[in-house]
Amino acid sequence: MIEKEVAIINNAGLHTRPAATIVKIAAQFESEFFILKDGMNINGKSIIGVMTLAAAKGSELTLSFEGDDEEIMAEAILEYFNKGFDEL
């Protein structure tokens, strides 16, 4: 299992477009993917789950990955978060 801490760095936060892209990236992998925010742990492969986080700029999230391809999945998702969802 891999766990990584990330912060939302784009001005608009985790809105619909980046949420959909996160789910799309995650769907390419077999591993489990969860996002933890303020005690709420959601399935990162669920658009409804990701949208319920309501993560604004500055929000701190814990991402967890578990499975055979967890390393490459973590790398792909972390890259998207670190690029500010391509909105910087």
N, C-alpha and C. Protein backbone atom coordinates (compact mmCIF):
# COMPACT_ATOMS: atom_id res chain seq x y z
N MET A 1 0.85 -1.19 0.00
CA MET A 1 0.00 0.00 0.00
C MET A 1 0.88 1.24 0.00
N ILE A 2 0.47 2.22 -0.79
CA ILE A 2 1.14 3.51 -0.86
C ILE A 2 0.18 4.56 -0.35
N GLU A 3 0.66 5.44 0.54
CA GLU A 3 -0.13 6.59 1.00
C GLU A 3 0.68 7.85 0.76
N LYS A 4 0.03 8.86 0.20
CA LYS A 4 0.67 10.13 -0.10
C LYS A 4 -0.23 11.28 0.33
N GLU A 5 0.38 12.30 0.88
CA GLU A 5 -0.33 13.53 1.25
C GLU A 5 -0.21 14.51 0.09
N VAL A 6 -1.31 15.13 -0.27
CA VAL A 6 -1.31 16.15 -1.32
C VAL A 6 -2.16 17.34 -0.88
N ALA A 7 -1.90 18.47 -1.51
CA ALA A 7 -2.71 19.67 -1.27
C ALA A 7 -3.30 20.11 -2.59
N ILE A 8 -4.49 20.67 -2.53
CA ILE A 8 -5.12 21.24 -3.72
C ILE A 8 -4.47 22.61 -3.95
N ILE A 9 -3.86 22.79 -5.13
CA ILE A 9 -3.10 24.02 -5.37
C ILE A 9 -3.71 24.95 -6.42
N ASN A 10 -4.69 24.46 -7.17
CA ASN A 10 -5.31 25.34 -8.17
C ASN A 10 -6.38 26.20 -7.51
N ASN A 11 -6.67 27.34 -8.08
CA ASN A 11 -7.61 28.29 -7.47
C ASN A 11 -9.04 27.77 -7.37
N ALA A 12 -9.50 27.00 -8.34
CA ALA A 12 -10.89 26.55 -8.36
C ALA A 12 -11.14 25.31 -7.50
N GLY A 13 -10.09 24.68 -7.00
CA GLY A 13 -10.26 23.49 -6.17
C GLY A 13 -10.60 22.27 -7.01
N LEU A 14 -11.07 21.24 -6.33
CA LEU A 14 -11.40 19.97 -6.98
C LEU A 14 -12.84 20.03 -7.48
N HIS A 15 -13.03 20.67 -8.63
CA HIS A 15 -14.36 20.83 -9.22
C HIS A 15 -14.64 19.70 -10.21
N THR A 16 -15.70 19.81 -10.97
CA THR A 16 -16.18 18.71 -11.81
C THR A 16 -15.16 18.20 -12.81
N ARG A 17 -14.51 19.08 -13.56
CA ARG A 17 -13.57 18.62 -14.59
C ARG A 17 -12.41 17.83 -14.00
N PRO A 18 -11.69 18.36 -13.00
CA PRO A 18 -10.60 17.54 -12.45
C PRO A 18 -11.09 16.27 -11.76
N ALA A 19 -12.26 16.32 -11.15
CA ALA A 19 -12.81 15.11 -10.52
C ALA A 19 -13.02 14.03 -11.57
N ALA A 20 -13.58 14.41 -12.71
CA ALA A 20 -13.81 13.45 -13.78
C ALA A 20 -12.49 12.91 -14.33
N THR A 21 -11.50 13.78 -14.45
CA THR A 21 -10.20 13.35 -14.96
C THR A 21 -9.51 12.40 -13.98
N ILE A 22 -9.61 12.67 -12.69
CA ILE A 22 -9.03 11.77 -11.68
C ILE A 22 -9.65 10.39 -11.81
N VAL A 23 -10.97 10.33 -11.93
CA VAL A 23 -11.66 9.04 -12.06
C VAL A 23 -11.25 8.35 -13.36
N LYS A 24 -11.10 9.11 -14.42
CA LYS A 24 -10.69 8.54 -15.71
C LYS A 24 -9.28 7.96 -15.62
N ILE A 25 -8.36 8.68 -14.99
CA ILE A 25 -7.00 8.17 -14.82
C ILE A 25 -7.04 6.90 -13.97
N ALA A 26 -7.74 6.95 -12.85
CA ALA A 26 -7.81 5.81 -11.93
C ALA A 26 -8.39 4.57 -12.59
N ALA A 27 -9.35 4.76 -13.49
CA ALA A 27 -10.01 3.63 -14.14
C ALA A 27 -9.07 2.84 -15.04
N GLN A 28 -7.93 3.41 -15.39
CA GLN A 28 -6.96 2.73 -16.25
C GLN A 28 -6.16 1.67 -15.49
N PHE A 29 -6.32 1.63 -14.16
CA PHE A 29 -5.51 0.74 -13.33
C PHE A 29 -6.39 -0.23 -12.55
N GLU A 30 -5.80 -1.35 -12.18
CA GLU A 30 -6.50 -2.38 -11.42
C GLU A 30 -6.53 -2.08 -9.92
N SER A 31 -5.55 -1.35 -9.43
CA SER A 31 -5.41 -1.12 -7.99
C SER A 31 -6.59 -0.36 -7.40
N GLU A 32 -6.78 -0.53 -6.10
CA GLU A 32 -7.76 0.24 -5.34
C GLU A 32 -7.19 1.64 -5.12
N PHE A 33 -8.06 2.65 -5.08
CA PHE A 33 -7.64 4.03 -4.90
C PHE A 33 -8.67 4.73 -4.01
N PHE A 34 -8.19 5.29 -2.90
CA PHE A 34 -9.07 5.99 -1.98
C PHE A 34 -8.51 7.36 -1.66
N ILE A 35 -9.41 8.30 -1.39
CA ILE A 35 -9.04 9.66 -1.00
C ILE A 35 -9.66 9.95 0.36
N LEU A 36 -8.83 10.40 1.30
CA LEU A 36 -9.28 10.73 2.65
C LEU A 36 -9.19 12.24 2.86
N LYS A 37 -10.31 12.83 3.30
CA LYS A 37 -10.35 14.27 3.62
C LYS A 37 -11.28 14.46 4.81
N ASP A 38 -10.75 15.08 5.85
CA ASP A 38 -11.56 15.41 7.02
C ASP A 38 -12.35 14.22 7.55
N GLY A 39 -11.71 13.05 7.60
CA GLY A 39 -12.35 11.86 8.13
C GLY A 39 -13.24 11.12 7.16
N MET A 40 -13.44 11.67 5.97
CA MET A 40 -14.27 11.02 4.95
C MET A 40 -13.34 10.28 3.98
N ASN A 41 -13.53 8.98 3.86
CA ASN A 41 -12.71 8.15 2.98
C ASN A 41 -13.59 7.70 1.80
N ILE A 42 -13.24 8.14 0.59
CA ILE A 42 -14.08 7.82 -0.57
C ILE A 42 -13.29 7.02 -1.60
N ASN A 43 -14.01 6.30 -2.43
CA ASN A 43 -13.42 5.56 -3.53
C ASN A 43 -13.04 6.55 -4.63
N GLY A 44 -11.75 6.61 -4.96
CA GLY A 44 -11.27 7.54 -5.97
C GLY A 44 -11.65 7.17 -7.39
N LYS A 45 -12.29 6.03 -7.57
CA LYS A 45 -12.77 5.63 -8.89
C LYS A 45 -14.24 5.96 -9.07
N SER A 46 -14.83 6.66 -8.11
CA SER A 46 -16.24 7.03 -8.15
C SER A 46 -16.38 8.54 -8.32
N ILE A 47 -16.97 8.99 -9.41
CA ILE A 47 -17.15 10.42 -9.65
C ILE A 47 -18.00 11.05 -8.55
N ILE A 48 -19.03 10.36 -8.11
CA ILE A 48 -19.88 10.89 -7.04
C ILE A 48 -19.05 11.05 -5.76
N GLY A 49 -18.25 10.04 -5.45
CA GLY A 49 -17.42 10.10 -4.26
C GLY A 49 -16.44 11.26 -4.30
N VAL A 50 -15.75 11.41 -5.42
CA VAL A 50 -14.76 12.48 -5.54
C VAL A 50 -15.44 13.85 -5.44
N MET A 51 -16.60 14.00 -6.05
CA MET A 51 -17.31 15.28 -6.00
C MET A 51 -17.78 15.61 -4.57
N THR A 52 -18.11 14.61 -3.77
CA THR A 52 -18.59 14.89 -2.41
C THR A 52 -17.51 15.46 -1.50
N LEU A 53 -16.25 15.36 -1.91
CA LEU A 53 -15.17 15.89 -1.07
C LEU A 53 -15.22 17.41 -0.93
N ALA A 54 -15.72 18.09 -1.95
CA ALA A 54 -15.77 19.56 -1.94
C ALA A 54 -14.44 20.15 -1.48
N ALA A 55 -13.37 19.72 -2.13
CA ALA A 55 -12.01 20.12 -1.74
C ALA A 55 -11.62 21.44 -2.41
N ALA A 56 -11.55 22.48 -1.61
CA ALA A 56 -11.17 23.81 -2.10
C ALA A 56 -9.65 23.96 -2.12
N LYS A 57 -9.18 25.06 -2.71
CA LYS A 57 -7.75 25.34 -2.72
C LYS A 57 -7.22 25.31 -1.28
N GLY A 58 -6.10 24.64 -1.10
CA GLY A 58 -5.48 24.53 0.21
C GLY A 58 -5.89 23.29 0.99
N SER A 59 -6.91 22.58 0.52
CA SER A 59 -7.34 21.35 1.20
C SER A 59 -6.22 20.32 1.18
N GLU A 60 -6.07 19.62 2.30
CA GLU A 60 -5.08 18.55 2.42
C GLU A 60 -5.80 17.21 2.29
N LEU A 61 -5.29 16.36 1.42
CA LEU A 61 -5.89 15.05 1.17
C LEU A 61 -4.84 13.96 1.36
N THR A 62 -5.29 12.78 1.75
CA THR A 62 -4.43 11.61 1.78
C THR A 62 -4.92 10.66 0.70
N LEU A 63 -4.03 10.32 -0.21
CA LEU A 63 -4.35 9.39 -1.29
C LEU A 63 -3.75 8.04 -0.94
N SER A 64 -4.52 6.98 -1.10
CA SER A 64 -3.98 5.64 -0.85
C SER A 64 -4.24 4.75 -2.05
N PHE A 65 -3.25 3.93 -2.35
CA PHE A 65 -3.26 3.05 -3.51
C PHE A 65 -2.87 1.66 -3.04
N GLU A 66 -3.59 0.65 -3.51
CA GLU A 66 -3.24 -0.71 -3.13
C GLU A 66 -3.58 -1.68 -4.26
N GLY A 67 -2.57 -2.42 -4.68
CA GLY A 67 -2.77 -3.42 -5.73
C GLY A 67 -1.51 -3.63 -6.52
N ASP A 68 -1.61 -4.48 -7.52
CA ASP A 68 -0.44 -4.86 -8.32
C ASP A 68 0.19 -3.70 -9.08
N ASP A 69 -0.60 -2.73 -9.52
CA ASP A 69 -0.06 -1.60 -10.28
C ASP A 69 -0.12 -0.29 -9.48
N GLU A 70 -0.07 -0.42 -8.15
CA GLU A 70 -0.21 0.77 -7.29
C GLU A 70 0.85 1.83 -7.53
N GLU A 71 2.07 1.43 -7.84
CA GLU A 71 3.14 2.41 -8.02
C GLU A 71 2.91 3.29 -9.25
N ILE A 72 2.56 2.68 -10.38
CA ILE A 72 2.34 3.50 -11.58
C ILE A 72 1.04 4.28 -11.49
N MET A 73 0.07 3.73 -10.79
CA MET A 73 -1.18 4.46 -10.57
C MET A 73 -0.92 5.70 -9.71
N ALA A 74 -0.19 5.51 -8.62
CA ALA A 74 0.13 6.63 -7.72
C ALA A 74 0.89 7.71 -8.47
N GLU A 75 1.84 7.30 -9.29
CA GLU A 75 2.63 8.27 -10.05
C GLU A 75 1.75 9.09 -10.99
N ALA A 76 0.84 8.44 -11.69
CA ALA A 76 -0.04 9.14 -12.64
C ALA A 76 -0.98 10.12 -11.92
N ILE A 77 -1.57 9.68 -10.83
CA ILE A 77 -2.53 10.54 -10.10
C ILE A 77 -1.80 11.69 -9.40
N LEU A 78 -0.67 11.39 -8.78
CA LEU A 78 0.09 12.44 -8.10
C LEU A 78 0.59 13.49 -9.09
N GLU A 79 0.98 13.08 -10.27
CA GLU A 79 1.41 14.03 -11.29
C GLU A 79 0.28 15.00 -11.62
N TYR A 80 -0.94 14.49 -11.75
CA TYR A 80 -2.08 15.34 -12.07
C TYR A 80 -2.37 16.33 -10.94
N PHE A 81 -2.31 15.87 -9.69
CA PHE A 81 -2.50 16.77 -8.55
C PHE A 81 -1.40 17.83 -8.52
N ASN A 82 -0.15 17.41 -8.72
CA ASN A 82 0.99 18.34 -8.62
C ASN A 82 1.02 19.37 -9.74
N LYS A 83 0.33 19.09 -10.86
CA LYS A 83 0.22 20.06 -11.95
C LYS A 83 -0.98 20.99 -11.75
N GLY A 84 -1.60 20.90 -10.59
CA GLY A 84 -2.76 21.78 -10.33
C GLY A 84 -3.90 21.50 -11.27
N PHE A 85 -4.07 20.21 -11.63
CA PHE A 85 -5.13 19.78 -12.55
C PHE A 85 -5.05 20.50 -13.89
N ASP A 86 -3.82 20.83 -14.30
CA ASP A 86 -3.56 21.54 -15.57
C ASP A 86 -4.22 22.92 -15.60
N GLU A 87 -4.37 23.54 -14.43
CA GLU A 87 -5.03 24.85 -14.35
C GLU A 87 -4.11 25.95 -13.81
N LEU A 88 -2.83 25.67 -13.66
CA LEU A 88 -1.93 26.70 -13.11
C LEU A 88 -1.38 27.58 -14.22
